[in-house]
Amino acid sequence: MTATDSVHLVIVGMTSMGIAMGVKAAHIAHYPNFLRDRSKRTRISFIDMNADTEFDRLRGRYDSLFDMCDYRVIDTVEPAKSYANPNTDDKFTDIEFEFIKGSVESRPIQELLQHWAEEEDGRLLTIAICFEIPQKSIATALYMPRLVYEKAHSILVRQNVSCSTIELIRKAHQYGKLRAFGMLDECYDIDDDCMKRVRRINFIYHKITPEQPFPQTLDDIEARALWEELSTVHRWSNVYNAHSVPSKRRSFGKSEPENLDEDTALIEMMAEVEHNRWNMEKLIMGYRPTTPGEDEEIQRLGKERKRKIERESFAHTYIKPYEALSESVKDYDRLIMKYLWRV
């Protein structure tokens, strides 16, 4: 990814797998280019014949998320029914959504796919085909416009068990970007190494302070003990953070950087990217930003009032732009990014 790139993920089929992939991408796809150019949002586009009604269901489930993100519903069957949410200045999130109603085989959708492949605005295009029936997913992949195969980063095809068919098709040069995913016999499992990273992230939040010399040892025994004390919500927060680590490391283009503690500009950029990810995490989990009245109560009454509002109203005072945070709150993001390569 260069300094002018952004990510465009197209999900064909609003099945349970398609929606899960879109939500996962919203958790992870946060990049420093957005800090340089606010138009460089990650775009997640869903294509489905029932995209409008499926969006209505998602809107009910993730109302806080869509209150804080730009989105549009594009009806290729009856274009007059297309609409978008108001594009206002309070949408500081770095993800945008599209819900496109239409059959992927139809001319309007094929032309749209062609247009996305032709775009020269630095968007890295990935298409994920997520139908429940594996044969339908393969057939849809094979009928993508030729330019999609030339320009897209990859074309992912959902398969239930075996990916042998995809491997055979990939031997033909023009289909080399096909990739199978979703096979039950190759599913991801959380192992102890993964959980060690999760617990270390929690340890950093609880035990490392800006005043301590860098780096500090991450104590895995104490980290395990701290983990046992966490609520379910906070456990998931650390899991989501750990899942984003490989993507973060790639997006900053560094491996085991030296003197990271002295590169304050890099740390600040990394911390803002982490806060953008955290904002999205909390919105997906169902939290909303606090109101000005709630913020005033928190300022006046302190941490106990803050915890009560989080617990009872599912509202969080830190869901806001990075620049609106206090320096002490920013330090949490700075510390987790300083220790990113040691997690």
Protein backbone atom coordinates (compact mmCIF):
# COMPACT_ATOMS: atom_id res chain seq x y z
CA MET A 1 0.00 0.00 0.00
CA THR A 2 1.38 3.40 -1.01
CA ALA A 3 0.62 6.76 0.56
CA THR A 4 -2.24 7.32 -1.91
CA ASP A 5 -3.96 3.93 -1.59
CA SER A 6 -7.13 2.89 0.21
CA VAL A 7 -9.05 -0.38 0.47
CA HIS A 8 -12.28 -1.28 -1.32
CA LEU A 9 -13.83 -4.59 -0.26
CA VAL A 10 -16.79 -5.78 -2.35
CA ILE A 11 -18.91 -8.54 -0.80
CA VAL A 12 -21.25 -10.37 -3.15
CA GLY A 13 -24.06 -12.03 -1.21
CA MET A 14 -25.39 -10.72 2.11
CA THR A 15 -25.38 -14.17 3.66
CA SER A 16 -24.29 -14.75 7.24
CA MET A 17 -20.75 -15.27 5.91
CA GLY A 18 -20.89 -12.10 3.82
CA ILE A 19 -22.09 -9.96 6.71
CA ALA A 20 -19.53 -11.51 9.07
CA MET A 21 -16.77 -10.71 6.58
CA GLY A 22 -17.94 -7.12 6.28
CA VAL A 23 -18.04 -6.66 10.05
CA LYS A 24 -14.59 -8.23 10.41
CA ALA A 25 -13.20 -5.89 7.76
CA ALA A 26 -14.69 -2.93 9.62
CA HIS A 27 -12.85 -4.10 12.73
CA ILE A 28 -9.48 -4.40 11.02
CA ALA A 29 -9.25 -2.16 7.93
CA HIS A 30 -7.84 1.03 9.49
CA TYR A 31 -4.84 2.65 7.82
CA PRO A 32 -2.58 5.71 8.13
CA ASN A 33 -3.51 7.06 4.69
CA PHE A 34 -6.82 8.29 6.14
CA LEU A 35 -4.83 10.62 8.39
CA ARG A 36 -3.16 12.21 5.35
CA ASP A 37 -6.35 12.43 3.27
CA ARG A 38 -9.81 12.11 4.85
CA SER A 39 -11.22 10.84 1.55
CA LYS A 40 -9.11 7.68 1.90
CA ARG A 41 -11.69 5.77 3.87
CA THR A 42 -11.96 2.01 3.64
CA ARG A 43 -15.07 1.29 1.55
CA ILE A 44 -17.12 -1.86 2.16
CA SER A 45 -19.69 -2.55 -0.58
CA PHE A 46 -22.37 -5.25 -0.34
CA ILE A 47 -24.13 -6.56 -3.48
CA ASP A 48 -27.35 -8.53 -3.08
CA MET A 49 -30.82 -8.67 -4.62
CA ASN A 50 -32.17 -7.92 -1.13
CA ALA A 51 -29.49 -5.43 -0.13
CA ASP A 52 -32.05 -2.80 0.85
CA THR A 53 -33.97 -5.01 3.28
CA GLU A 54 -30.79 -6.65 4.57
CA PHE A 55 -29.42 -3.17 5.28
CA ASP A 56 -32.59 -2.34 7.22
CA ARG A 57 -31.89 -5.35 9.44
CA LEU A 58 -28.26 -4.30 9.92
CA ARG A 59 -29.32 -0.72 10.62
CA GLY A 60 -31.47 -1.97 13.47
CA ARG A 61 -28.68 -4.13 14.86
CA TYR A 62 -25.84 -1.61 14.48
CA ASP A 63 -27.65 1.69 14.83
CA SER A 64 -24.77 3.49 16.57
CA LEU A 65 -22.34 2.32 13.89
CA PHE A 66 -24.39 3.67 11.01
CA ASP A 67 -25.11 6.90 12.87
CA MET A 68 -21.35 7.55 12.79
CA CYS A 69 -20.48 6.25 9.29
CA ASP A 70 -21.26 7.42 5.79
CA TYR A 71 -23.42 4.93 3.89
CA ARG A 72 -25.54 4.77 0.77
CA VAL A 73 -28.13 2.36 -0.60
CA ILE A 74 -28.02 2.05 -4.39
CA ASP A 75 -31.01 0.39 -6.05
CA THR A 76 -30.08 -0.72 -9.58
CA VAL A 77 -33.59 -2.14 -10.12
CA GLU A 78 -35.49 1.04 -9.21
CA PRO A 79 -32.85 3.81 -9.08
CA ALA A 80 -35.32 6.35 -7.66
CA LYS A 81 -35.31 4.38 -4.41
CA SER A 82 -31.59 4.95 -3.85
CA TYR A 83 -30.61 7.11 -0.88
CA ALA A 84 -27.70 8.07 1.38
CA ASN A 85 -27.36 9.32 4.93
CA PRO A 86 -26.47 12.96 5.48
CA ASN A 87 -22.76 13.58 5.06
CA THR A 88 -22.05 15.73 8.10
CA ASP A 89 -18.88 16.83 9.83
CA ASP A 90 -19.50 14.70 12.93
CA LYS A 91 -18.73 11.46 11.04
CA PHE A 92 -15.08 11.08 12.01
CA THR A 93 -14.90 7.33 11.33
CA ASP A 94 -12.62 5.98 8.58
CA ILE A 95 -15.04 3.34 7.17
CA GLU A 96 -17.85 3.90 4.66
CA PHE A 97 -20.51 1.46 3.47
CA GLU A 98 -22.48 0.80 0.28
CA PHE A 99 -25.48 -1.49 -0.08
CA ILE A 100 -26.21 -2.20 -3.74
CA LYS A 101 -29.46 -3.89 -4.70
CA GLY A 102 -29.21 -5.97 -7.85
CA SER A 103 -28.24 -9.31 -9.31
CA VAL A 104 -24.50 -9.72 -9.80
CA GLU A 105 -25.18 -11.10 -13.30
CA SER A 106 -27.17 -8.01 -14.34
CA ARG A 107 -25.74 -5.40 -16.66
CA PRO A 108 -25.83 -2.54 -14.10
CA ILE A 109 -23.84 -4.58 -11.56
CA GLN A 110 -21.39 -5.85 -14.18
CA GLU A 111 -20.83 -2.27 -15.34
CA LEU A 112 -20.31 -1.18 -11.73
CA LEU A 113 -17.70 -3.91 -11.19
CA GLN A 114 -16.01 -2.81 -14.41
CA HIS A 115 -16.02 0.80 -13.21
CA TRP A 116 -14.45 -0.12 -9.87
CA ALA A 117 -11.72 -2.05 -11.67
CA GLU A 118 -11.06 0.93 -13.95
CA GLU A 119 -10.83 3.49 -11.14
CA GLU A 120 -7.42 5.09 -10.91
CA ASP A 121 -7.91 6.67 -7.50
CA GLY A 122 -5.66 4.27 -5.62
CA ARG A 123 -8.37 1.97 -4.29
CA LEU A 124 -7.14 -1.59 -3.78
CA LEU A 125 -10.06 -3.76 -4.90
CA THR A 126 -10.86 -7.13 -3.33
CA ILE A 127 -14.02 -9.06 -4.16
CA ALA A 128 -15.43 -11.73 -1.84
CA ILE A 129 -18.19 -13.98 -3.19
CA CYS A 130 -20.15 -15.34 -0.24
CA PHE A 131 -23.14 -17.31 -1.51
CA GLU A 132 -24.28 -20.31 0.54
CA ILE A 133 -24.02 -22.66 -2.47
CA PRO A 134 -20.35 -23.25 -3.40
CA GLN A 135 -21.11 -23.91 -7.08
CA LYS A 136 -22.92 -20.57 -7.34
CA SER A 137 -19.95 -18.78 -5.81
CA ILE A 138 -17.57 -20.40 -8.32
CA ALA A 139 -19.85 -19.62 -11.28
CA THR A 140 -20.17 -15.99 -10.17
CA ALA A 141 -16.40 -15.69 -9.88
CA LEU A 142 -15.85 -17.03 -13.39
CA TYR A 143 -18.24 -14.46 -14.89
CA MET A 144 -16.53 -11.42 -13.39
CA PRO A 145 -15.52 -8.85 -16.04
CA ARG A 146 -12.07 -9.55 -17.46
CA LEU A 147 -10.77 -6.21 -16.20
CA VAL A 148 -11.60 -7.25 -12.64
CA TYR A 149 -9.13 -10.12 -12.97
CA GLU A 150 -6.53 -7.74 -14.34
CA LYS A 151 -6.91 -5.01 -11.75
CA ALA A 152 -8.29 -6.54 -8.52
CA HIS A 153 -5.97 -7.50 -5.70
CA SER A 154 -7.77 -10.82 -5.24
CA ILE A 155 -11.12 -12.54 -5.77
CA LEU A 156 -12.19 -14.66 -2.80
CA VAL A 157 -14.67 -17.49 -3.32
CA ARG A 158 -16.50 -19.13 -0.46
CA GLN A 159 -16.24 -22.93 -0.35
CA ASN A 160 -17.60 -25.21 2.36
CA VAL A 161 -15.07 -28.03 2.46
CA SER A 162 -12.69 -28.49 -0.42
CA CYS A 163 -10.92 -25.86 -2.50
CA SER A 164 -9.64 -28.35 -5.11
CA THR A 165 -11.90 -26.93 -7.81
CA ILE A 166 -10.54 -23.44 -7.24
CA GLU A 167 -6.97 -24.74 -7.37
CA LEU A 168 -7.66 -26.37 -10.74
CA ILE A 169 -9.23 -23.19 -12.12
CA ARG A 170 -6.31 -21.07 -10.90
CA LYS A 171 -3.97 -22.97 -13.20
CA ALA A 172 -5.49 -21.01 -16.05
CA HIS A 173 -3.50 -17.75 -16.14
CA GLN A 174 -6.52 -15.41 -16.29
CA TYR A 175 -7.93 -16.86 -13.04
CA GLY A 176 -4.75 -16.66 -11.02
CA LYS A 177 -6.24 -14.21 -8.50
CA LEU A 178 -8.92 -16.62 -7.31
CA ARG A 179 -8.65 -17.71 -3.70
CA ALA A 180 -10.91 -20.09 -1.78
CA PHE A 181 -11.95 -19.31 1.81
CA GLY A 182 -14.39 -20.50 4.43
CA MET A 183 -13.56 -24.22 4.31
CA LEU A 184 -14.69 -25.98 7.48
CA ASP A 185 -11.71 -28.32 7.40
CA GLU A 186 -9.29 -25.37 7.42
CA CYS A 187 -11.04 -23.10 9.89
CA TYR A 188 -9.13 -20.79 12.21
CA ASP A 189 -8.67 -21.88 15.81
CA ILE A 190 -7.55 -19.77 18.75
CA ASP A 191 -4.35 -21.32 20.09
CA ASP A 192 -2.32 -20.44 23.17
CA ASP A 193 0.06 -18.18 21.21
CA CYS A 194 -2.90 -16.13 20.04
CA MET A 195 -4.26 -15.87 23.56
CA LYS A 196 -0.81 -14.88 24.82
CA ARG A 197 -0.90 -11.86 22.49
CA VAL A 198 -4.40 -11.00 23.68
CA ARG A 199 -3.37 -11.16 27.35
CA ARG A 200 -0.24 -9.09 26.67
CA ILE A 201 -2.32 -6.30 25.18
CA ASN A 202 -4.43 -6.25 28.33
CA PHE A 203 -1.23 -6.23 30.43
CA ILE A 204 0.06 -3.16 28.58
CA TYR A 205 -3.18 -1.27 29.25
CA HIS A 206 -3.10 -2.11 32.95
CA LYS A 207 0.58 -2.21 33.90
CA ILE A 208 2.68 -0.07 31.55
CA THR A 209 2.78 3.70 32.06
CA PRO A 210 4.37 6.51 30.00
CA GLU A 211 6.73 7.34 32.87
CA GLN A 212 8.44 3.94 32.75
CA PRO A 213 11.55 3.43 30.60
CA PHE A 214 10.93 1.72 27.26
CA PRO A 215 10.73 -1.19 26.73
CA GLN A 216 9.31 -2.96 29.77
CA THR A 217 9.10 -6.73 30.11
CA LEU A 218 5.64 -8.14 29.41
CA ASP A 219 5.02 -10.54 32.30
CA ASP A 220 2.95 -13.43 30.91
CA ILE A 221 2.20 -14.88 34.36
CA GLU A 222 0.78 -11.62 35.65
CA ALA A 223 -0.93 -11.07 32.31
CA ARG A 224 -2.81 -14.35 32.74
CA ALA A 225 -3.92 -13.34 36.24
CA LEU A 226 -5.16 -9.94 35.00
CA TRP A 227 -7.04 -11.67 32.19
CA GLU A 228 -9.02 -13.77 34.66
CA GLU A 229 -10.39 -10.60 36.25
CA LEU A 230 -11.76 -9.10 33.02
CA SER A 231 -15.42 -8.81 32.05
CA THR A 232 -16.57 -10.42 28.80
CA VAL A 233 -16.83 -7.05 27.05
CA HIS A 234 -13.24 -6.12 27.91
CA ARG A 235 -11.97 -9.56 26.94
CA TRP A 236 -13.47 -9.19 23.48
CA SER A 237 -11.98 -5.72 23.20
CA ASN A 238 -8.48 -7.18 23.66
CA VAL A 239 -9.23 -10.01 21.22
CA TYR A 240 -10.29 -7.54 18.53
CA ASN A 241 -7.15 -5.51 19.14
CA ALA A 242 -4.92 -8.57 18.80
CA HIS A 243 -6.59 -9.55 15.52
CA SER A 244 -5.62 -6.17 14.07
CA VAL A 245 -1.91 -6.47 14.86
CA PRO A 246 -0.74 -8.13 11.58
CA SER A 247 -2.64 -5.57 9.49
CA LYS A 248 -1.18 -2.69 11.51
CA ARG A 249 2.36 -3.94 11.11
CA ARG A 250 1.96 -4.26 7.35
CA SER A 251 0.33 -0.85 6.96
CA PHE A 252 3.23 0.93 8.68
CA GLY A 253 5.78 -0.92 6.54
CA LYS A 254 8.17 -1.67 9.37
CA SER A 255 9.54 -4.81 10.96
CA GLU A 256 11.01 -4.60 14.47
CA PRO A 257 11.75 -0.85 14.18
CA GLU A 258 14.68 0.48 16.17
CA ASN A 259 14.42 3.45 18.53
CA LEU A 260 10.65 3.45 18.27
CA ASP A 261 10.43 5.33 21.54
CA GLU A 262 12.26 8.27 19.95
CA ASP A 263 10.13 8.46 16.79
CA THR A 264 7.33 10.50 18.31
CA ALA A 265 5.80 11.43 14.93
CA LEU A 266 5.43 7.78 13.96
CA ILE A 267 4.03 6.86 17.37
CA GLU A 268 1.47 9.66 17.13
CA MET A 269 0.32 8.51 13.69
CA MET A 270 0.12 4.90 14.87
CA ALA A 271 -1.83 5.94 17.97
CA GLU A 272 -4.41 7.80 15.90
CA VAL A 273 -4.87 4.75 13.64
CA GLU A 274 -5.37 2.60 16.74
CA HIS A 275 -7.97 5.02 18.11
CA ASN A 276 -9.84 4.92 14.79
CA ARG A 277 -9.90 1.13 15.10
CA TRP A 278 -11.06 1.35 18.71
CA ASN A 279 -13.88 3.73 17.76
CA MET A 280 -15.15 1.23 15.21
CA GLU A 281 -14.80 -1.66 17.66
CA LYS A 282 -16.95 0.08 20.23
CA LEU A 283 -19.59 1.11 17.68
CA ILE A 284 -19.84 -2.47 16.39
CA MET A 285 -20.18 -3.72 19.96
CA GLY A 286 -23.21 -1.44 20.35
CA TYR A 287 -21.77 1.54 22.21
CA ARG A 288 -22.71 5.08 21.22
CA PRO A 289 -20.90 8.38 21.83
CA THR A 290 -21.89 10.13 25.03
CA THR A 291 -24.06 13.22 24.85
CA PRO A 292 -22.76 16.66 25.92
CA GLY A 293 -24.87 16.32 29.07
CA GLU A 294 -23.32 12.95 29.90
CA ASP A 295 -19.83 14.34 29.27
CA GLU A 296 -20.57 17.17 31.69
CA GLU A 297 -21.67 14.65 34.35
CA ILE A 298 -18.50 12.61 33.83
CA GLN A 299 -16.37 15.74 34.12
CA ARG A 300 -18.12 16.73 37.31
CA LEU A 301 -18.55 13.33 39.00
CA GLY A 302 -15.54 11.40 37.75
CA LYS A 303 -14.76 7.79 36.91
CA GLU A 304 -17.64 6.16 38.80
CA ARG A 305 -20.17 8.14 36.76
CA LYS A 306 -18.24 7.27 33.58
CA ARG A 307 -18.41 3.54 34.41
CA LYS A 308 -22.11 3.73 35.23
CA ILE A 309 -22.93 5.42 31.91
CA GLU A 310 -20.89 2.80 30.05
CA ARG A 311 -22.57 -0.05 31.90
CA GLU A 312 -26.17 1.17 31.94
CA SER A 313 -26.43 3.31 28.78
CA PHE A 314 -23.80 1.55 26.64
CA ALA A 315 -22.28 4.95 25.90
CA HIS A 316 -18.57 5.80 25.91
CA THR A 317 -17.05 9.24 26.32
CA TYR A 318 -13.94 8.36 24.27
CA ILE A 319 -15.83 7.63 21.03
CA LYS A 320 -14.69 10.82 19.37
CA PRO A 321 -11.89 12.08 17.08
CA TYR A 322 -8.36 11.44 18.33
CA GLU A 323 -7.61 15.15 18.55
CA ALA A 324 -10.51 15.60 20.98
CA LEU A 325 -8.99 13.22 23.54
CA SER A 326 -6.96 14.33 26.52
CA GLU A 327 -3.23 13.60 26.50
CA SER A 328 -3.62 11.03 29.28
CA VAL A 329 -6.16 9.09 27.23
CA LYS A 330 -4.00 9.31 24.09
CA ASP A 331 -1.20 7.71 26.11
CA TYR A 332 -3.10 4.40 26.12
CA ASP A 333 -3.03 4.33 22.32
CA ARG A 334 0.61 5.47 22.22
CA LEU A 335 1.70 2.73 24.60
CA ILE A 336 -0.06 -0.11 22.80
CA MET A 337 1.52 1.00 19.53
CA LYS A 338 4.99 1.38 21.04
CA TYR A 339 4.76 -2.22 22.22
CA LEU A 340 3.09 -3.51 19.05
CA TRP A 341 6.18 -5.41 17.85
CA ARG A 342 6.61 -7.03 21.28
CA VAL A 343 3.10 -8.33 21.72
